[in-house]
Protein backbone atom coordinates (compact mmCIF):
# COMPACT_ATOMS: atom_id res chain seq x y z
CA UNK A 1 -13.31 -13.02 11.16
CA UNK A 2 -14.00 -10.25 7.76
CA UNK A 3 -12.77 -6.40 8.04
CA UNK A 4 -13.91 -2.87 6.75
CA UNK A 5 -11.79 -1.41 4.73
CA UNK A 6 -12.51 2.47 4.06
CA UNK A 7 -10.71 4.37 0.59
CA UNK A 8 -11.34 7.47 -0.15
CA UNK A 9 -11.91 8.22 -3.89
CA UNK A 10 -14.17 10.84 -5.78
CA UNK A 11 -17.44 10.49 -7.26
CA UNK A 12 -15.67 10.00 -11.34
CA UNK A 13 -13.20 7.75 -10.18
CA UNK A 14 -16.16 5.63 -8.03
CA UNK A 15 -18.37 5.54 -10.96
CA UNK A 16 -15.38 3.78 -13.21
CA UNK A 17 -14.10 1.57 -10.96
CA UNK A 18 -18.22 0.31 -9.87
CA UNK A 19 -18.09 -0.31 -14.46
CA UNK A 20 -15.40 -1.96 -14.74
CA UNK A 21 -17.01 -4.43 -11.70
CA UNK A 22 -19.89 -4.34 -12.74
CA UNK A 23 -18.62 -5.78 -16.23
CA UNK A 24 -17.07 -8.62 -14.29
CA UNK A 25 -20.50 -9.80 -12.71
CA UNK A 26 -19.09 -8.73 -9.87
CA UNK A 27 -19.82 -5.97 -6.62
CA UNK A 28 -17.09 -2.95 -6.32
CA UNK A 29 -15.62 -4.84 -2.75
CA UNK A 30 -15.54 -7.85 -4.47
CA UNK A 31 -13.42 -6.42 -7.80
CA UNK A 32 -10.92 -4.09 -5.49
CA UNK A 33 -10.31 -7.00 -3.35
CA UNK A 34 -9.33 -9.23 -6.56
CA UNK A 35 -7.46 -6.32 -8.00
CA UNK A 36 -5.45 -5.62 -4.47
CA UNK A 37 -4.85 -9.28 -4.01
CA UNK A 38 -3.21 -9.74 -7.39
CA UNK A 39 -1.16 -7.20 -7.30
CA UNK A 40 0.25 -7.59 -4.00
CA UNK A 41 0.94 -11.15 -5.07
CA UNK A 42 2.18 -9.95 -8.28
CA UNK A 43 5.07 -7.70 -6.09
CA UNK A 44 5.58 -10.63 -3.70
CA UNK A 45 6.50 -12.66 -6.70
CA UNK A 46 8.96 -10.24 -8.16
CA UNK A 47 12.43 -11.58 -8.02
CA UNK A 48 15.63 -9.26 -7.61
CA UNK A 49 18.50 -11.20 -8.89
CA UNK A 50 20.58 -8.53 -11.24
CA UNK A 51 21.81 -4.92 -10.05
CA UNK A 52 19.99 -3.72 -12.83
CA UNK A 53 16.27 -4.91 -11.64
CA UNK A 54 16.76 -3.99 -7.76
CA UNK A 55 17.60 -0.58 -9.47
CA UNK A 56 15.00 -0.64 -11.83
CA UNK A 57 12.71 -1.19 -8.24
CA UNK A 58 13.88 1.75 -6.59
CA UNK A 59 13.50 4.11 -9.91
CA UNK A 60 10.17 2.64 -9.65
CA UNK A 61 9.90 3.84 -5.89
CA UNK A 62 10.74 6.81 -5.95
CA UNK A 63 8.32 7.75 -9.09
CA UNK A 64 5.52 6.67 -7.08
CA UNK A 65 6.32 7.69 -3.93
CA UNK A 66 6.59 11.47 -2.74
CA UNK A 67 9.15 12.98 -0.05
CA UNK A 68 11.73 11.66 2.00
CA UNK A 69 12.27 8.80 4.15
CA UNK A 70 13.36 10.07 7.62
CA UNK A 71 16.89 9.04 8.64
CA UNK A 72 17.44 6.23 11.59
CA UNK A 73 17.57 9.53 14.22
CA UNK A 74 14.15 10.56 13.62
CA UNK A 75 13.25 6.22 13.40
CA UNK A 76 14.36 5.86 16.65
CA UNK A 77 12.42 8.73 18.16
CA UNK A 78 9.44 7.77 17.21
CA UNK A 79 10.58 4.09 18.95
CA UNK A 80 11.61 6.01 22.24
CA UNK A 81 8.89 8.03 21.60
CA UNK A 82 6.18 5.58 22.10
CA UNK A 83 8.49 3.07 24.25
CA UNK A 84 7.93 6.59 27.10
CA UNK A 85 4.00 6.50 25.82
CA UNK A 86 3.35 3.02 26.68
CA UNK A 87 5.30 2.60 30.25
CA UNK A 88 3.47 5.45 31.51
CA UNK A 89 0.18 4.10 30.07
CA UNK A 90 1.14 1.19 32.47
């Protein structure tokens, strides 16, 4: 079974990616799917064998991500609220 994924981008980004896909002889969808799978595989293959590699991994994420991760209490509240709403629905 195949599922569609909706990606929001501006017209300039879309045109840029369409040109890259056309140069590769692919549809935009096929080109983006291939690029996403290659990136996911590369990240999965990356091993963190030393403390410096682990620090680098988290430094890279800190540069890329915004905001702060909620603490465990916030996560627990979401889990409990989900459980309560599920129990009420059954």
